[in-house]
Amino acid sequence: MQGNDGLNFYEFELIADEKKFKEEYSLTLNQLPINQKTADEIIDEANQAFTYNMKMFKELEGNLIAVLGKIVFNYITKKVRKGSTET
């Protein structure tokens, strides 16, 4: 896999049967010797990671909107454009 493969990151060629893999994965997780306190800590950490991801994407979205706004503003306010009668 190379850096420009996009969503191919989520392709797992070595997994022949995805449904069977998911069932075995779930069964393995369910058999782990985890008490309620540890389970709660795992859930809290997963929720925190989800919150961090939401904040990161919100910030990236805001930055993208700001950049696009600047591009549009510069285009609109630029005096000389192709086809423009002004110089």
Foldseek 3Di string as FASTA:
>chain_A
DDPPPPPCVPPDPVDPDPVVVVVVVVVVVVPDPDDPVRVVVVVVVVVVVVVVVVVVVVVVVVVVVVVVVVVVVCVVPPQDDVVHPGD
